[in-house]
C-alpha atoms as a PDB file:
ATOM      1  CA  MET A   1     -48.232 -35.649  63.862  1.00  0.00           C
ATOM      2  CA  GLY A   2     -46.464 -37.871  61.243  1.00  0.00           C
ATOM      3  CA  THR A   3     -49.449 -40.508  60.540  1.00  0.00           C
ATOM      4  CA  ASN A   4     -51.503 -37.851  58.598  1.00  0.00           C
ATOM      5  CA  THR A   5     -49.416 -39.485  55.625  1.00  0.00           C
ATOM      6  CA  PRO A   6     -51.095 -39.939  52.166  1.00  0.00           C
ATOM      7  CA  ARG A   7     -50.633 -43.904  52.760  1.00  0.00           C
ATOM      8  CA  THR A   8     -52.729 -43.663  55.655  1.00  0.00           C
ATOM      9  CA  ARG A   9     -55.377 -41.445  54.274  1.00  0.00           C
ATOM     10  CA  LEU A  10     -55.712 -43.945  51.295  1.00  0.00           C
ATOM     11  CA  ARG A  11     -56.089 -46.863  53.575  1.00  0.00           C
ATOM     12  CA  ASP A  12     -58.643 -44.833  55.798  1.00  0.00           C
ATOM     13  CA  ALA A  13     -60.484 -44.571  53.044  1.00  0.00           C
ATOM     14  CA  LEU A  14     -60.486 -47.376  51.536  1.00  0.00           C
ATOM     15  CA  SER A  15     -61.889 -48.638  55.300  1.00  0.00           C
ATOM     16  CA  VAL A  16     -65.013 -46.970  54.884  1.00  0.00           C
ATOM     17  CA  THR A  17     -68.457 -48.433  54.782  1.00  0.00           C
ATOM     18  CA  SER A  18     -69.734 -46.935  51.821  1.00  0.00           C
ATOM     19  CA  THR A  19     -69.105 -49.021  48.795  1.00  0.00           C
ATOM     20  CA  SER A  20     -68.940 -46.023  46.509  1.00  0.00           C
ATOM     21  CA  ALA A  21     -66.469 -44.013  48.528  1.00  0.00           C
ATOM     22  CA  ARG A  22     -64.181 -46.939  48.572  1.00  0.00           C
ATOM     23  CA  LEU A  23     -64.202 -47.228  44.825  1.00  0.00           C
ATOM     24  CA  GLN A  24     -63.527 -43.079  44.488  1.00  0.00           C
ATOM     25  CA  ALA A  25     -60.434 -44.134  46.896  1.00  0.00           C
ATOM     26  CA  ALA A  26     -59.416 -46.816  44.679  1.00  0.00           C
ATOM     27  CA  LEU A  27     -60.084 -44.687  41.584  1.00  0.00           C
ATOM     28  CA  ALA A  28     -58.233 -41.771  42.795  1.00  0.00           C
ATOM     29  CA  ALA A  29     -55.153 -43.709  44.128  1.00  0.00           C
ATOM     30  CA  GLY A  30     -55.010 -44.945  40.275  1.00  0.00           C
ATOM     31  CA  THR A  31     -55.330 -41.396  39.145  1.00  0.00           C
ATOM     32  CA  ARG A  32     -52.793 -40.041  41.038  1.00  0.00           C
ATOM     33  CA  PRO A  33     -50.224 -42.749  41.579  1.00  0.00           C
ATOM     34  CA  ASP A  34     -47.860 -42.561  44.490  1.00  0.00           C
ATOM     35  CA  ASN A  35     -45.514 -45.396  45.201  1.00  0.00           C
ATOM     36  CA  SER A  36     -46.102 -45.596  48.834  1.00  0.00           C
ATOM     37  CA  TYR A  37     -50.050 -46.767  47.709  1.00  0.00           C
ATOM     38  CA  ILE A  38     -49.055 -50.134  46.472  1.00  0.00           C
ATOM     39  CA  GLU A  39     -48.545 -52.270  49.754  1.00  0.00           C
ATOM     40  CA  VAL A  40     -52.017 -50.081  50.810  1.00  0.00           C
ATOM     41  CA  LEU A  41     -53.612 -50.804  47.763  1.00  0.00           C
ATOM     42  CA  VAL A  42     -52.810 -54.892  47.990  1.00  0.00           C
ATOM     43  CA  GLU A  43     -53.727 -55.221  51.269  1.00  0.00           C
ATOM     44  CA  ARG A  44     -56.903 -53.958  50.330  1.00  0.00           C
ATOM     45  CA  CYS A  45     -57.493 -56.499  47.583  1.00  0.00           C
ATOM     46  CA  GLU A  46     -57.479 -59.202  50.314  1.00  0.00           C
ATOM     47  CA  VAL A  47     -60.340 -58.275  52.010  1.00  0.00           C
ATOM     48  CA  GLU A  48     -62.656 -56.026  49.969  1.00  0.00           C
ATOM     49  CA  PRO A  49     -65.754 -57.526  49.843  1.00  0.00           C
ATOM     50  CA  ASP A  50     -66.799 -55.745  46.531  1.00  0.00           C
ATOM     51  CA  PHE A  51     -66.255 -57.055  42.883  1.00  0.00           C
ATOM     52  CA  PHE A  52     -66.227 -53.653  41.112  1.00  0.00           C
ATOM     53  CA  VAL A  53     -64.125 -51.905  43.973  1.00  0.00           C
ATOM     54  CA  ARG A  54     -61.630 -54.722  44.336  1.00  0.00           C
ATOM     55  CA  ASP A  55     -61.181 -54.632  40.075  1.00  0.00           C
ATOM     56  CA  MET A  56     -60.554 -50.685  40.359  1.00  0.00           C
ATOM     57  CA  LEU A  57     -57.887 -51.541  43.324  1.00  0.00           C
ATOM     58  CA  THR A  58     -56.565 -53.750  40.183  1.00  0.00           C
ATOM     59  CA  TRP A  59     -56.697 -50.937  37.859  1.00  0.00           C
ATOM     60  CA  ALA A  60     -54.770 -48.539  40.457  1.00  0.00           C
ATOM     61  CA  LEU A  61     -51.908 -51.175  40.956  1.00  0.00           C
ATOM     62  CA  THR A  62     -51.730 -51.084  36.975  1.00  0.00           C
ATOM     63  CA  ARG A  63     -50.956 -47.714  37.156  1.00  0.00           C
ATOM     64  CA  HIS A  64     -48.002 -47.624  39.605  1.00  0.00           C
ATOM     65  CA  ASP A  65     -44.462 -49.032  39.056  1.00  0.00           C
ATOM     66  CA  PRO A  66     -44.810 -52.550  37.445  1.00  0.00           C
ATOM     67  CA  ALA A  67     -41.638 -53.573  39.144  1.00  0.00           C
ATOM     68  CA  LEU A  68     -42.665 -52.632  42.453  1.00  0.00           C
ATOM     69  CA  THR A  69     -46.171 -53.502  42.012  1.00  0.00           C
ATOM     70  CA  VAL A  70     -45.277 -57.011  40.941  1.00  0.00           C
ATOM     71  CA  LYS A  71     -42.958 -57.469  44.215  1.00  0.00           C
ATOM     72  CA  ALA A  72     -45.516 -56.415  46.331  1.00  0.00           C
ATOM     73  CA  VAL A  73     -47.977 -58.885  44.391  1.00  0.00           C
ATOM     74  CA  VAL A  74     -45.997 -61.888  44.140  1.00  0.00           C
ATOM     75  CA  PRO A  75     -46.156 -63.069  47.882  1.00  0.00           C
ATOM     76  CA  ARG A  76     -49.844 -63.210  48.018  1.00  0.00           C
ATOM     77  CA  LEU A  77     -50.196 -66.227  45.892  1.00  0.00           C
ATOM     78  CA  ARG A  78     -48.800 -68.067  48.511  1.00  0.00           C
ATOM     79  CA  SER A  79     -52.020 -66.594  50.752  1.00  0.00           C
ATOM     80  CA  ALA A  80     -53.647 -68.448  53.064  1.00  0.00           C
ATOM     81  CA  SER A  81     -56.431 -66.394  51.786  1.00  0.00           C
ATOM     82  CA  ALA A  82     -57.996 -67.161  48.714  1.00  0.00           C
ATOM     83  CA  GLN A  83     -59.506 -64.186  47.796  1.00  0.00           C
ATOM     84  CA  ALA A  84     -55.763 -62.706  48.165  1.00  0.00           C
ATOM     85  CA  ARG A  85     -54.599 -65.438  45.743  1.00  0.00           C
ATOM     86  CA  SER A  86     -57.871 -64.796  43.284  1.00  0.00           C
ATOM     87  CA  GLN A  87     -57.012 -61.369  43.405  1.00  0.00           C
ATOM     88  CA  ALA A  88     -53.107 -61.224  42.712  1.00  0.00           C
ATOM     89  CA  LEU A  89     -53.494 -63.469  39.971  1.00  0.00           C
ATOM     90  CA  HIS A  90     -55.543 -61.082  38.475  1.00  0.00           C
ATOM     91  CA  THR A  91     -53.669 -58.228  39.117  1.00  0.00           C
ATOM     92  CA  LEU A  92     -50.744 -60.078  37.559  1.00  0.00           C
ATOM     93  CA  SER A  93     -52.410 -61.013  34.408  1.00  0.00           C
ATOM     94  CA  LYS A  94     -53.971 -57.405  33.802  1.00  0.00           C
ATOM     95  CA  ILE A  95     -49.972 -56.162  34.163  1.00  0.00           C
ATOM     96  CA  GLY A  96     -48.921 -58.702  31.918  1.00  0.00           C
ATOM     97  CA  ASP A  97     -45.589 -59.409  32.529  1.00  0.00           C
ATOM     98  CA  PRO A  98     -44.629 -62.429  30.728  1.00  0.00           C
ATOM     99  CA  ALA A  99     -41.464 -63.310  33.633  1.00  0.00           C
ATOM    100  CA  THR A 100     -44.324 -63.319  36.863  1.00  0.00           C
ATOM    101  CA  CYS A 101     -45.787 -66.715  34.998  1.00  0.00           C
ATOM    102  CA  ALA A 102     -42.802 -68.693  36.578  1.00  0.00           C
ATOM    103  CA  ALA A 103     -44.857 -67.516  39.717  1.00  0.00           C
ATOM    104  CA  ILE A 104     -47.838 -69.215  39.181  1.00  0.00           C
ATOM    105  CA  THR A 105     -47.379 -72.822  40.593  1.00  0.00           C
ATOM    106  CA  VAL A 106     -48.616 -76.332  39.618  1.00  0.00           C
ATOM    107  CA  ASP A 107     -50.744 -75.666  42.714  1.00  0.00           C
ATOM    108  CA  LEU A 108     -52.303 -72.915  41.979  1.00  0.00           C
ATOM    109  CA  LEU A 109     -53.681 -74.426  38.493  1.00  0.00           C
ATOM    110  CA  HIS A 110     -54.730 -76.897  40.488  1.00  0.00           C
ATOM    111  CA  ASP A 111     -55.867 -74.961  43.880  1.00  0.00           C
ATOM    112  CA  GLU A 112     -58.749 -76.852  45.794  1.00  0.00           C
ATOM    113  CA  ASN A 113     -60.455 -72.997  45.606  1.00  0.00           C
ATOM    114  CA  VAL A 114     -62.176 -72.828  42.059  1.00  0.00           C
ATOM    115  CA  GLU A 115     -61.763 -68.716  41.786  1.00  0.00           C
ATOM    116  CA  VAL A 116     -58.399 -69.267  42.509  1.00  0.00           C
ATOM    117  CA  ALA A 117     -57.913 -71.556  40.065  1.00  0.00           C
ATOM    118  CA  ARG A 118     -59.650 -70.275  37.241  1.00  0.00           C
ATOM    119  CA  ALA A 119     -57.719 -66.974  37.838  1.00  0.00           C
ATOM    120  CA  ALA A 120     -54.466 -68.777  37.427  1.00  0.00           C
ATOM    121  CA  TRP A 121     -55.806 -70.949  34.078  1.00  0.00           C
ATOM    122  CA  ARG A 122     -56.351 -67.172  32.573  1.00  0.00           C
ATOM    123  CA  THR A 123     -53.229 -65.329  33.558  1.00  0.00           C
ATOM    124  CA  ALA A 124     -51.122 -68.158  32.985  1.00  0.00           C
ATOM    125  CA  ALA A 125     -52.733 -69.029  29.835  1.00  0.00           C
ATOM    126  CA  GLY A 126     -51.775 -65.466  29.120  1.00  0.00           C
ATOM    127  CA  LEU A 127     -48.779 -64.559  29.976  1.00  0.00           C
ATOM    128  CA  VAL A 128     -46.886 -68.440  29.247  1.00  0.00           C
ATOM    129  CA  PRO A 129     -43.276 -67.736  27.556  1.00  0.00           C
ATOM    130  CA  ALA A 130     -43.130 -68.909  23.872  1.00  0.00           C
ATOM    131  CA  GLY A 131     -42.730 -72.569  23.246  1.00  0.00           C
ATOM    132  CA  HIS A 132     -44.150 -73.484  26.798  1.00  0.00           C
ATOM    133  CA  GLU A 133     -47.536 -73.699  25.820  1.00  0.00           C
ATOM    134  CA  THR A 134     -47.891 -77.722  25.584  1.00  0.00           C
ATOM    135  CA  GLU A 135     -46.069 -77.655  28.818  1.00  0.00           C
ATOM    136  CA  LEU A 136     -48.977 -75.668  30.559  1.00  0.00           C
ATOM    137  CA  ALA A 137     -51.863 -77.813  28.205  1.00  0.00           C
ATOM    138  CA  ARG A 138     -50.030 -80.994  29.529  1.00  0.00           C
ATOM    139  CA  GLU A 139     -50.332 -79.283  32.914  1.00  0.00           C
ATOM    140  CA  LEU A 140     -54.445 -77.927  32.689  1.00  0.00           C
ATOM    141  CA  ALA A 141     -55.278 -81.025  30.859  1.00  0.00           C
ATOM    142  CA  GLY A 142     -55.493 -82.634  34.800  1.00  0.00           C
ATOM    143  CA  GLU A 143     -58.456 -80.477  35.429  1.00  0.00           C
ATOM    144  CA  LEU A 144     -60.593 -81.120  32.577  1.00  0.00           C
ATOM    145  CA  GLY A 145     -64.343 -82.033  33.396  1.00  0.00           C
ATOM    146  CA  ARG A 146     -63.838 -80.074  36.697  1.00  0.00           C
ATOM    147  CA  GLY A 147     -66.486 -78.192  38.717  1.00  0.00           C
ATOM    148  CA  ASP A 148     -70.156 -76.363  37.233  1.00  0.00           C
ATOM    149  CA  ARG A 149     -70.420 -74.925  33.190  1.00  0.00           C
ATOM    150  CA  GLU A 150     -68.767 -72.101  34.385  1.00  0.00           C
ATOM    151  CA  THR A 151     -65.343 -73.100  35.714  1.00  0.00           C
ATOM    152  CA  GLN A 152     -65.670 -76.022  32.131  1.00  0.00           C
ATOM    153  CA  ARG A 153     -66.050 -72.712  30.466  1.00  0.00           C
ATOM    154  CA  SER A 154     -62.928 -70.476  31.802  1.00  0.00           C
ATOM    155  CA  LEU A 155     -60.694 -73.867  31.024  1.00  0.00           C
ATOM    156  CA  SER A 156     -61.529 -73.911  27.848  1.00  0.00           C
ATOM    157  CA  ARG A 157     -60.934 -70.468  27.315  1.00  0.00           C
ATOM    158  CA  ALA A 158     -57.794 -71.045  28.568  1.00  0.00           C
ATOM    159  CA  PHE A 159     -56.731 -73.806  25.743  1.00  0.00           C
ATOM    160  CA  ALA A 160     -58.293 -71.797  23.007  1.00  0.00           C
ATOM    161  CA  VAL A 161     -55.591 -69.001  23.986  1.00  0.00           C
ATOM    162  CA  LEU A 162     -52.920 -71.426  23.979  1.00  0.00           C
ATOM    163  CA  GLY A 163     -54.173 -72.244  20.600  1.00  0.00           C
ATOM    164  CA  ALA A 164     -52.159 -75.435  18.236  1.00  0.00           C
ATOM    165  CA  ALA A 165     -50.130 -76.060  20.696  1.00  0.00           C
ATOM    166  CA  ALA A 166     -52.652 -77.679  23.055  1.00  0.00           C
ATOM    167  CA  GLU A 167     -54.732 -79.506  20.800  1.00  0.00           C
ATOM    168  CA  PRO A 168     -52.993 -82.961  20.989  1.00  0.00           C
ATOM    169  CA  VAL A 169     -53.222 -82.450  24.466  1.00  0.00           C
ATOM    170  CA  ILE A 170     -56.727 -82.295  24.249  1.00  0.00           C
ATOM    171  CA  GLU A 171     -57.257 -84.602  21.057  1.00  0.00           C
ATOM    172  CA  ASN A 172     -55.751 -86.918  23.535  1.00  0.00           C
ATOM    173  CA  ALA A 173     -58.509 -86.224  25.930  1.00  0.00           C
ATOM    174  CA  VAL A 174     -61.142 -86.997  24.401  1.00  0.00           C
ATOM    175  CA  ASN A 175     -59.636 -90.628  24.571  1.00  0.00           C
ATOM    176  CA  SER A 176     -60.674 -90.243  28.646  1.00  0.00           C
ATOM    177  CA  GLU A 177     -62.689 -93.279  29.980  1.00  0.00           C
ATOM    178  CA  ASP A 178     -64.036 -90.608  32.506  1.00  0.00           C
ATOM    179  CA  GLN A 179     -67.147 -89.108  30.563  1.00  0.00           C
ATOM    180  CA  ALA A 180     -67.092 -85.810  31.824  1.00  0.00           C
ATOM    181  CA  VAL A 181     -63.268 -84.865  30.820  1.00  0.00           C
ATOM    182  CA  LYS A 182     -64.213 -86.284  27.328  1.00  0.00           C
ATOM    183  CA  ALA A 183     -67.509 -84.297  26.864  1.00  0.00           C
ATOM    184  CA  HIS A 184     -65.204 -81.293  28.526  1.00  0.00           C
ATOM    185  CA  ALA A 185     -62.248 -82.164  25.507  1.00  0.00           C
ATOM    186  CA  VAL A 186     -64.694 -82.613  23.200  1.00  0.00           C
ATOM    187  CA  ALA A 187     -66.781 -79.113  23.600  1.00  0.00           C
ATOM    188  CA  THR A 188     -63.115 -77.499  24.090  1.00  0.00           C
ATOM    189  CA  LEU A 189     -61.873 -78.416  20.845  1.00  0.00           C
ATOM    190  CA  ALA A 190     -65.428 -77.315  18.961  1.00  0.00           C
ATOM    191  CA  ILE A 191     -64.074 -73.670  20.848  1.00  0.00           C
ATOM    192  CA  MET A 192     -60.611 -73.658  19.698  1.00  0.00           C
ATOM    193  CA  ALA A 193     -62.127 -74.471  16.289  1.00  0.00           C
ATOM    194  CA  ASP A 194     -64.662 -71.691  16.350  1.00  0.00           C
ATOM    195  CA  PRO A 195     -63.945 -69.617  18.913  1.00  0.00           C
ATOM    196  CA  ALA A 196     -67.442 -67.993  18.384  1.00  0.00           C
ATOM    197  CA  GLU A 197     -69.635 -70.812  19.553  1.00  0.00           C
ATOM    198  CA  GLY A 198     -71.013 -70.672  22.526  1.00  0.00           C
ATOM    199  CA  PHE A 199     -69.732 -73.090  25.210  1.00  0.00           C
ATOM    200  CA  ASP A 200     -73.423 -74.676  26.142  1.00  0.00           C
ATOM    201  CA  LEU A 201     -73.808 -75.190  22.123  1.00  0.00           C
ATOM    202  CA  ALA A 202     -70.695 -76.854  22.447  1.00  0.00           C
ATOM    203  CA  ILE A 203     -70.940 -78.982  25.663  1.00  0.00           C
ATOM    204  CA  ALA A 204     -74.554 -80.236  24.241  1.00  0.00           C
ATOM    205  CA  GLU A 205     -72.957 -81.122  21.075  1.00  0.00           C
ATOM    206  CA  ALA A 206     -70.356 -83.038  23.135  1.00  0.00           C
ATOM    207  CA  ASN A 207     -72.334 -84.814  24.798  1.00  0.00           C
ATOM    208  CA  ARG A 208     -74.252 -86.015  21.729  1.00  0.00           C
ATOM    209  CA  VAL A 209     -70.712 -87.185  20.899  1.00  0.00           C
ATOM    210  CA  VAL A 210     -70.058 -88.844  24.207  1.00  0.00           C
ATOM    211  CA  ALA A 211     -73.391 -90.891  24.081  1.00  0.00           C
ATOM    212  CA  LEU A 212     -72.958 -92.053  20.386  1.00  0.00           C
ATOM    213  CA  LEU A 213     -69.444 -93.170  21.640  1.00  0.00           C
ATOM    214  CA  GLY A 214     -71.224 -95.194  23.944  1.00  0.00           C
ATOM    215  CA  ALA A 215     -70.163 -93.309  26.825  1.00  0.00           C
ATOM    216  CA  PRO A 216     -73.385 -92.372  29.540  1.00  0.00           C
ATOM    217  CA  MET A 217     -74.469 -88.802  28.969  1.00  0.00           C
ATOM    218  CA  VAL A 218     -73.264 -86.248  31.824  1.00  0.00           C
ATOM    219  CA  LYS A 219     -75.374 -83.874  33.223  1.00  0.00           C
ATOM    220  CA  GLU A 220     -75.995 -80.638  31.548  1.00  0.00           C
END
């Protein structure tokens, strides 16, 4: 009877086995927005296994009322599910409301799940209010040297977005006794000076600089 609503039809369509069918359902939800879809889309972000479908879910959410969408998304930042946290951050970055930067906690910036942390760095750097860039840079500096090449590249890009306000923080990190932190900081300064420079080239040069400074080489 009353259960055959647009909301329930969308939930059913997003639960089918076919990836292409789920992609089409998410596309349709964004093409013809309905505020009753918001919660369904947010819930599906937490469990959707396919990257492209998740990206379409986020796009669909950006087509809805921003205030209602943010209200539904922000609580997911505290979810026990890493995917829920990561996707919520990604959605907030696409909505682009600077007021939501306050919801990106220190815990998220240092999340044990690397995908969540990377999403938090990117989103915070893009949404940080003017005048707070240095404060964010100091917090992000605690992540220098973390993870693999892709993770370090993500952090360097976040610093590049923060711009000149982050430079003194990175320059200070160059003096770190931790060789991984030192090399990452040197590479980050190179990327900030020339964003077109590839990260692999920058980190290779940073390793040479670290070696010349007398520190052991970091693994490439």
